[in-house]
Amino acid sequence: MKRTLKWVSIITAAVSIGVQVPVWAEGNDAAAQAKPEPAASDKPAQNTPETPAKPEPAASDKPAPAQNTPETPAKPEPATPDKPAPAQNTPTTPVKPEPAAPDKPAPAQNTPTTPVKPEPAAPDKPAPAQNTPTTPVKPEPATPDKPAASESGDLLQLLNRGRYLASRKQYEQALAIYEQALSLKPDSAAALAGKGAMLRELSRYDAAIAALQKATDLKGDYSLAWFQRGVVLRDMNRNEEAAQAFDKAIQVNNEWGGETLEAAWSHKGSALWKLGRKEEALAAFDKATGINPQFALAWYNRATALLQLEQYENAIEAYDKALQSRGEWGMDTSPSNAWYNRGVALEQLKRYEDAINSYDRALRVTPNHLKARQRLANLRRQLGR
């Protein structure tokens, strides 16, 4: 009888010691049964430790199945006007329309002009009169494709209003404002980019792509429109096209609206990870953190990629950098995700006391973090507490 009880205890301990790999930053509480991935919904690697979980994508609102799975590195928040990317809710800086080129006034008729010195008269021709008025300069017309001053002010006001509503997640209302802006100026690339971003938030992906395509057709060097297009394509799992769109955003005019160059690199890294191009993805995350060492979301994604690759010490170091930074975490990612994933990495290294402390910190930030609470309870039970 004692031998039977002993075997039951061993089996129970073996079951409870299963650990999971972190999830991506696209949802705070989602859990999956695969390793963490820096991209939104990356598939786990095949050499997952005992029960590592699939990371949550950075912008996903849907929870993953496993309750104790580490968080997935964040999909950097797409650029929504007036929001903070990726992965990255701060309102975006509006694109200030260029004022109309003012008409050049004709010179006043009574402005004295320097008289032309008369040439000596031919024998039978009188010399020209000394006070012959000069021909006035014809004023140049205003540039046709630039709005007049009043139109420019109205358009800017509408764009600002749309971005404000987007920052409050009032996407339908924001979309209506962008439509109003387009009725005032149908060829406004900024209004089209805002419209595309709102359509994406409403999961109307085909319509979003159409609006953003029109924006890039009108203004081919508009970084924000290419960025938004990349985010939509990534959400549609068209990752090759998404990576190309992020490349284009990086290469052109750096007119980002509320987005940033480092956010484009981080989003590109997520798309590359989903394509299985892991070294290129890590290089993209490194590029993002190199541009902005305070970009928390890029550090988080890099850390979760390293966790997926079972480089636990390096992953913990990157999570620490994310937690020490003062930068953006994205719409659906917070320090609690980093504390949780850090705890999972520590468990893999059998540093159980440190893991318990990390789960505790996750719960301080987000008291209803179900996965952190469950892993903490399991770990304490394993340690006989």
Protein backbone atom coordinates (compact mmCIF):
# COMPACT_ATOMS: atom_id res chain seq x y z
CA MET A 1 0.00 0.00 0.00
CA LYS A 2 2.86 2.40 0.84
CA ARG A 3 4.54 1.64 -2.47
CA THR A 4 1.32 2.43 -4.35
CA LEU A 5 0.95 5.79 -2.57
CA LYS A 6 4.57 6.60 -3.35
CA TRP A 7 4.06 6.05 -7.09
CA VAL A 8 0.87 8.19 -7.03
CA SER A 9 2.80 11.04 -5.41
CA ILE A 10 5.56 10.85 -8.01
CA ILE A 11 3.09 10.91 -10.89
CA THR A 12 1.22 13.89 -9.38
CA ALA A 13 4.46 15.85 -8.99
CA ALA A 14 5.43 15.11 -12.57
CA VAL A 15 2.13 16.43 -13.84
CA SER A 16 2.20 19.60 -11.77
CA ILE A 17 5.77 20.51 -12.70
CA GLY A 18 4.86 21.17 -16.36
CA VAL A 19 5.82 24.65 -17.45
CA GLN A 20 4.79 26.77 -20.31
CA VAL A 21 6.57 29.13 -22.60
CA PRO A 22 5.52 32.82 -22.74
CA VAL A 23 3.11 34.42 -25.05
CA TRP A 24 3.31 37.45 -27.26
CA ALA A 25 2.14 40.88 -26.35
CA GLU A 26 -1.02 40.96 -28.41
CA GLY A 27 -3.38 40.16 -25.58
CA ASN A 28 -2.96 40.50 -21.85
CA ASP A 29 -4.53 37.29 -20.69
CA ALA A 30 -4.57 35.03 -23.66
CA ALA A 31 -2.74 31.76 -23.41
CA ALA A 32 -1.78 29.15 -25.98
CA GLN A 33 -0.22 25.72 -26.01
CA ALA A 34 2.82 26.71 -28.06
CA LYS A 35 6.02 28.60 -27.45
CA PRO A 36 6.00 32.38 -27.34
CA GLU A 37 6.43 34.17 -30.53
CA PRO A 38 7.23 37.83 -31.15
CA ALA A 39 4.61 38.04 -33.86
CA ALA A 40 0.88 38.39 -33.30
CA SER A 41 -0.10 34.79 -33.73
CA ASP A 42 3.13 33.00 -34.44
CA LYS A 43 3.20 29.26 -34.38
CA PRO A 44 5.35 27.65 -31.66
CA ALA A 45 8.70 26.05 -32.34
CA GLN A 46 8.85 22.26 -32.31
CA ASN A 47 11.31 21.97 -29.41
CA THR A 48 8.99 23.55 -26.83
CA PRO A 49 9.98 22.75 -23.25
CA GLU A 50 7.78 20.46 -21.28
CA THR A 51 4.46 22.28 -21.64
CA PRO A 52 5.39 25.70 -23.01
CA ALA A 53 2.55 27.81 -24.18
CA LYS A 54 1.99 29.63 -27.41
CA PRO A 55 2.59 33.35 -26.86
CA GLU A 56 -0.24 35.79 -27.14
CA PRO A 57 -0.18 38.19 -30.07
CA ALA A 58 0.37 41.82 -29.17
CA ALA A 59 -2.97 43.22 -30.30
CA SER A 60 -5.30 40.31 -29.87
CA ASP A 61 -8.30 40.71 -27.58
CA LYS A 62 -9.14 37.01 -27.69
CA PRO A 63 -7.72 34.82 -24.90
CA ALA A 64 -5.76 31.74 -25.87
CA PRO A 65 -6.82 28.35 -24.59
CA ALA A 66 -4.22 27.47 -21.97
CA GLN A 67 -4.75 29.35 -18.71
CA ASN A 68 -1.17 29.17 -17.58
CA THR A 69 0.59 29.95 -20.80
CA PRO A 70 3.18 32.74 -20.84
CA GLU A 71 2.34 35.87 -22.74
CA THR A 72 3.15 36.22 -26.42
CA PRO A 73 5.35 39.14 -27.46
CA ALA A 74 3.35 42.00 -28.52
CA LYS A 75 2.25 42.84 -31.88
CA PRO A 76 3.21 46.38 -31.95
CA GLU A 77 0.18 48.50 -32.08
CA PRO A 78 -0.84 49.71 -35.50
CA ALA A 79 -0.92 53.28 -36.18
CA THR A 80 -4.29 54.66 -35.46
CA PRO A 81 -4.41 58.38 -35.63
CA ASP A 82 -4.40 59.82 -32.12
CA LYS A 83 -3.21 56.47 -30.64
CA PRO A 84 0.13 55.72 -29.00
CA ALA A 85 1.86 50.88 -31.95
CA PRO A 86 2.34 48.26 -32.34
CA ALA A 87 2.43 46.97 -31.18
CA GLN A 88 2.17 50.59 -29.38
CA ASN A 89 -3.07 55.15 -26.71
CA THR A 90 -1.59 58.62 -27.15
CA PRO A 91 -3.37 60.73 -29.84
CA THR A 92 -1.38 60.94 -32.99
CA THR A 93 0.10 64.18 -34.15
CA PRO A 94 -2.07 65.37 -37.03
CA VAL A 95 -0.55 65.81 -40.40
CA LYS A 96 -0.63 69.50 -40.95
CA PRO A 97 -1.93 70.22 -44.41
CA GLU A 98 0.10 72.61 -46.45
CA PRO A 99 -1.57 75.96 -46.83
CA ALA A 100 -2.53 77.15 -50.23
CA ALA A 101 0.12 79.06 -52.05
CA PRO A 102 -1.15 82.61 -51.85
CA ASP A 103 -1.71 84.48 -55.03
CA LYS A 104 0.99 86.96 -55.77
CA PRO A 105 -0.58 90.39 -56.00
CA ALA A 106 0.09 92.49 -59.02
CA PRO A 107 2.25 95.50 -58.28
CA ALA A 108 0.30 98.65 -57.52
CA GLN A 109 -0.28 100.78 -60.58
CA ASN A 110 0.88 103.89 -58.88
CA THR A 111 4.16 102.45 -57.70
CA PRO A 112 6.81 104.51 -59.31
CA THR A 113 8.96 102.46 -61.64
CA THR A 114 12.37 103.29 -62.80
CA PRO A 115 11.80 104.87 -66.17
CA VAL A 116 13.50 103.35 -69.12
CA LYS A 117 16.05 105.70 -70.53
CA PRO A 118 14.79 106.69 -73.95
CA GLU A 119 16.90 105.90 -76.93
CA PRO A 120 17.69 108.81 -79.22
CA ALA A 121 14.91 109.31 -81.67
CA ALA A 122 15.39 108.34 -85.27
CA PRO A 123 15.29 111.38 -87.53
CA ASP A 124 11.57 111.18 -88.23
CA LYS A 125 10.51 109.36 -84.98
CA PRO A 126 9.90 111.08 -81.68
CA ALA A 127 11.55 109.73 -78.55
CA PRO A 128 9.27 107.66 -76.31
CA ALA A 129 7.47 109.46 -73.49
CA GLN A 130 9.41 109.48 -70.22
CA ASN A 131 6.41 108.53 -68.08
CA THR A 132 5.14 105.53 -70.02
CA PRO A 133 3.69 103.11 -67.39
CA THR A 134 5.20 99.64 -67.18
CA THR A 135 3.11 96.54 -67.86
CA PRO A 136 1.97 95.10 -64.51
CA VAL A 137 3.11 91.58 -63.59
CA LYS A 138 0.28 89.10 -63.94
CA PRO A 139 -0.36 87.36 -60.58
CA GLU A 140 0.26 83.61 -60.41
CA PRO A 141 -2.74 81.46 -59.55
CA ALA A 142 -2.77 79.50 -56.31
CA THR A 143 -1.55 75.92 -56.51
CA PRO A 144 -4.67 73.96 -57.42
CA ASP A 145 -4.07 70.84 -55.32
CA LYS A 146 -3.61 72.69 -52.05
CA PRO A 147 -6.68 73.60 -50.01
CA ALA A 148 -7.61 77.18 -49.40
CA ALA A 149 -6.97 78.51 -45.92
CA SER A 150 -10.51 77.94 -44.62
CA GLU A 151 -10.70 74.47 -46.15
CA SER A 152 -7.33 73.58 -44.65
CA GLY A 153 -8.48 74.66 -41.18
CA ASP A 154 -11.72 72.68 -41.43
CA LEU A 155 -9.88 69.59 -42.63
CA LEU A 156 -7.33 69.78 -39.85
CA GLN A 157 -10.10 70.16 -37.28
CA LEU A 158 -11.84 67.05 -38.60
CA LEU A 159 -8.61 65.03 -38.64
CA ASN A 160 -7.91 65.99 -35.04
CA ARG A 161 -11.43 65.03 -34.04
CA GLY A 162 -11.12 61.66 -35.75
CA ARG A 163 -7.87 60.92 -33.97
CA TYR A 164 -9.34 61.88 -30.63
CA LEU A 165 -12.30 59.54 -31.10
CA ALA A 166 -9.96 56.76 -32.21
CA SER A 167 -7.91 57.20 -29.02
CA ARG A 168 -11.14 56.69 -27.07
CA LYS A 169 -11.83 53.53 -29.09
CA GLN A 170 -14.95 55.10 -30.58
CA TYR A 171 -14.14 53.64 -33.96
CA GLU A 172 -17.52 54.01 -35.67
CA GLN A 173 -17.72 57.69 -34.73
CA ALA A 174 -14.12 58.26 -35.82
CA LEU A 175 -14.84 56.58 -39.15
CA ALA A 176 -17.79 58.94 -39.71
CA ILE A 177 -15.52 61.93 -39.05
CA TYR A 178 -12.92 60.70 -41.55
CA GLU A 179 -15.68 60.23 -44.13
CA GLN A 180 -16.73 63.83 -43.48
CA ALA A 181 -13.13 64.96 -44.01
CA LEU A 182 -13.04 63.09 -47.33
CA SER A 183 -16.26 64.77 -48.45
CA LEU A 184 -14.43 68.07 -47.92
CA LYS A 185 -11.22 66.90 -49.62
CA PRO A 186 -11.52 63.53 -51.40
CA ASP A 187 -7.79 63.34 -52.12
CA SER A 188 -6.64 63.78 -48.50
CA ALA A 189 -4.12 61.00 -47.89
CA ALA A 190 -4.28 61.68 -44.14
CA ALA A 191 -8.06 61.20 -44.05
CA LEU A 192 -7.77 58.02 -46.12
CA ALA A 193 -5.09 56.65 -43.76
CA GLY A 194 -7.32 57.41 -40.78
CA LYS A 195 -10.28 55.77 -42.47
CA GLY A 196 -8.20 52.67 -43.22
CA ALA A 197 -7.05 52.44 -39.60
CA MET A 198 -10.64 52.64 -38.31
CA LEU A 199 -11.84 50.01 -40.77
CA ARG A 200 -9.09 47.72 -39.51
CA GLU A 201 -10.21 48.27 -35.91
CA LEU A 202 -13.70 47.25 -37.02
CA SER A 203 -12.24 44.12 -38.72
CA ARG A 204 -13.33 45.34 -42.15
CA TYR A 205 -10.00 44.38 -43.67
CA ASP A 206 -10.81 44.48 -47.38
CA ALA A 207 -12.28 47.96 -47.10
CA ALA A 208 -9.27 49.03 -45.03
CA ILE A 209 -6.86 47.80 -47.69
CA ALA A 210 -8.83 49.66 -50.37
CA ALA A 211 -8.67 52.96 -48.44
CA LEU A 212 -4.97 52.58 -47.70
CA GLN A 213 -4.23 51.62 -51.29
CA LYS A 214 -5.85 54.84 -52.42
CA ALA A 215 -3.81 56.79 -49.85
CA THR A 216 -0.52 55.34 -51.14
CA ASP A 217 -1.62 55.89 -54.75
CA LEU A 218 -2.20 59.57 -53.97
CA LYS A 219 0.94 59.95 -51.89
CA GLY A 220 3.43 57.20 -52.59
CA ASP A 221 5.95 58.42 -50.04
CA TYR A 222 3.52 58.56 -47.11
CA SER A 223 5.09 56.45 -44.34
CA LEU A 224 1.97 56.33 -42.16
CA ALA A 225 -0.23 54.92 -44.94
CA TRP A 226 2.35 52.20 -45.74
CA PHE A 227 2.66 51.41 -42.03
CA GLN A 228 -1.10 51.06 -41.60
CA ARG A 229 -1.25 48.90 -44.73
CA GLY A 230 1.41 46.60 -43.27
CA VAL A 231 -0.54 46.22 -40.03
CA VAL A 232 -3.74 45.28 -41.88
CA LEU A 233 -1.90 42.77 -44.07
CA ARG A 234 -0.31 41.20 -41.03
CA ASP A 235 -3.71 40.88 -39.36
CA MET A 236 -4.88 39.12 -42.52
CA ASN A 237 -1.90 36.75 -42.17
CA ARG A 238 -0.44 38.05 -45.45
CA ASN A 239 2.94 38.35 -43.78
CA GLU A 240 5.17 38.54 -46.84
CA GLU A 241 3.19 41.53 -48.13
CA ALA A 242 3.12 43.00 -44.64
CA ALA A 243 6.91 42.87 -44.35
CA GLN A 244 7.21 44.59 -47.74
CA ALA A 245 4.79 47.33 -46.65
CA PHE A 246 6.80 47.94 -43.45
CA ASP A 247 9.96 48.12 -45.55
CA LYS A 248 8.33 50.75 -47.74
CA ALA A 249 7.22 52.75 -44.69
CA ILE A 250 10.79 52.70 -43.38
CA GLN A 251 12.25 53.83 -46.72
CA VAL A 252 10.01 56.78 -47.59
CA ASN A 253 9.25 60.19 -46.09
CA ASN A 254 9.12 59.49 -42.33
CA GLU A 255 5.76 61.22 -42.06
CA TRP A 256 4.49 58.90 -39.34
CA GLY A 257 1.52 60.64 -37.79
CA GLY A 258 1.32 59.06 -34.33
CA GLU A 259 3.55 56.12 -35.25
CA THR A 260 7.35 55.90 -35.25
CA LEU A 261 10.23 54.41 -37.20
CA GLU A 262 11.05 52.02 -34.34
CA ALA A 263 7.44 50.79 -34.31
CA ALA A 264 7.74 49.94 -38.01
CA TRP A 265 10.86 47.87 -37.32
CA SER A 266 9.14 46.06 -34.45
CA HIS A 267 6.08 45.28 -36.57
CA LYS A 268 8.32 44.08 -39.35
CA GLY A 269 10.02 41.75 -36.85
CA SER A 270 6.64 40.25 -35.93
CA ALA A 271 5.80 39.59 -39.59
CA LEU A 272 9.22 38.02 -40.23
CA TRP A 273 8.86 35.78 -37.18
CA LYS A 274 5.55 34.48 -38.47
CA LEU A 275 7.32 33.66 -41.74
CA GLY A 276 9.87 31.58 -39.80
CA ARG A 277 12.67 34.05 -40.57
CA LYS A 278 13.76 34.15 -36.93
CA GLU A 279 17.24 35.63 -37.31
CA GLU A 280 15.85 38.46 -39.45
CA ALA A 281 13.08 38.99 -36.90
CA LEU A 282 15.57 39.31 -34.04
CA ALA A 283 17.63 41.74 -36.14
CA ALA A 284 14.50 43.85 -36.69
CA PHE A 285 13.77 43.91 -32.94
CA ASP A 286 17.39 44.91 -32.33
CA LYS A 287 17.02 47.71 -34.87
CA ALA A 288 13.92 48.99 -33.03
CA THR A 289 15.63 48.99 -29.62
CA GLY A 290 18.73 50.57 -31.17
CA ILE A 291 16.66 53.50 -32.45
CA ASN A 292 14.80 53.88 -29.18
CA PRO A 293 16.26 52.08 -26.14
CA GLN A 294 13.12 53.06 -24.18
CA PHE A 295 10.77 51.19 -26.56
CA ALA A 296 9.36 48.66 -24.09
CA LEU A 297 7.30 46.73 -26.62
CA ALA A 298 10.32 45.98 -28.84
CA TRP A 299 12.28 44.69 -25.83
CA TYR A 300 9.30 42.58 -24.84
CA ASN A 301 9.02 41.04 -28.31
CA ARG A 302 12.75 40.39 -28.44
CA ALA A 303 12.62 38.74 -25.02
CA THR A 304 9.74 36.47 -25.96
CA ALA A 305 11.50 35.48 -29.19
CA LEU A 306 14.54 34.47 -27.13
CA LEU A 307 12.29 32.56 -24.74
CA GLN A 308 10.83 30.70 -27.72
CA LEU A 309 14.39 29.83 -28.72
CA GLU A 310 15.03 28.55 -25.15
CA GLN A 311 17.68 31.21 -24.52
CA TYR A 312 16.32 31.75 -21.03
CA GLU A 313 19.07 33.92 -19.53
CA ASN A 314 19.03 36.26 -22.54
CA ALA A 315 15.24 36.35 -22.42
CA ILE A 316 15.24 37.37 -18.73
CA GLU A 317 17.76 40.12 -19.48
CA ALA A 318 15.55 41.49 -22.29
CA TYR A 319 12.44 41.35 -20.08
CA ASP A 320 14.35 43.35 -17.47
CA LYS A 321 15.21 45.97 -20.11
CA ALA A 322 11.52 46.20 -21.05
CA LEU A 323 10.51 46.63 -17.40
CA GLN A 324 13.18 49.27 -16.78
CA SER A 325 12.25 51.33 -19.84
CA ARG A 326 9.84 54.26 -19.87
CA GLY A 327 8.51 53.69 -23.36
CA GLU A 328 5.34 52.38 -24.97
CA TRP A 329 3.93 48.94 -24.24
CA GLY A 330 1.22 48.84 -26.88
CA MET A 331 -2.54 48.71 -26.64
CA ASP A 332 -2.90 45.26 -25.08
CA THR A 333 0.45 44.69 -23.42
CA SER A 334 1.63 45.91 -20.04
CA PRO A 335 4.43 45.23 -17.56
CA SER A 336 2.32 42.41 -16.10
CA ASN A 337 2.89 40.42 -19.30
CA ALA A 338 6.63 40.84 -18.97
CA TRP A 339 6.65 39.86 -15.29
CA TYR A 340 4.62 36.75 -16.09
CA ASN A 341 6.82 35.60 -19.00
CA ARG A 342 9.91 36.37 -16.94
CA GLY A 343 8.56 34.04 -14.25
CA VAL A 344 8.15 31.27 -16.80
CA ALA A 345 11.76 31.67 -17.94
CA LEU A 346 12.93 31.52 -14.31
CA GLU A 347 10.95 28.33 -13.76
CA GLN A 348 12.74 26.78 -16.73
CA LEU A 349 16.03 27.59 -15.01
CA LYS A 350 14.64 26.08 -11.75
CA ARG A 351 15.00 29.43 -10.01
CA TYR A 352 11.70 28.91 -8.22
CA GLU A 353 11.93 31.65 -5.59
CA ASP A 354 12.68 34.23 -8.26
CA ALA A 355 9.82 32.86 -10.36
CA ILE A 356 7.40 33.23 -7.43
CA ASN A 357 8.50 36.85 -6.97
CA SER A 358 8.00 37.52 -10.68
CA TYR A 359 4.46 36.10 -10.65
CA ASP A 360 3.72 38.18 -7.54
CA ARG A 361 4.82 41.32 -9.40
CA ALA A 362 2.56 40.44 -12.33
CA LEU A 363 -0.39 40.19 -9.94
CA ARG A 364 0.44 43.54 -8.35
CA VAL A 365 0.17 45.20 -11.76
CA THR A 366 -2.88 43.20 -12.90
CA PRO A 367 -4.66 41.55 -9.94
CA ASN A 368 -6.97 39.57 -12.24
CA HIS A 369 -4.08 38.06 -14.23
CA LEU A 370 -5.49 34.52 -14.17
CA LYS A 371 -2.46 32.75 -15.67
CA ALA A 372 -0.04 34.32 -13.20
CA ARG A 373 -2.33 33.36 -10.30
CA GLN A 374 -2.60 29.77 -11.53
CA ARG A 375 1.13 29.30 -12.13
CA LEU A 376 1.92 30.84 -8.75
CA ALA A 377 -0.47 28.44 -7.02
CA ASN A 378 0.96 25.44 -8.92
CA LEU A 379 4.53 26.41 -8.09
CA ARG A 380 3.79 26.89 -4.41
CA ARG A 381 2.02 23.55 -4.33
CA GLN A 382 5.07 21.87 -5.90
CA LEU A 383 7.29 23.44 -3.25
CA GLY A 384 4.95 22.24 -0.50
CA ARG A 385 3.75 25.70 0.57
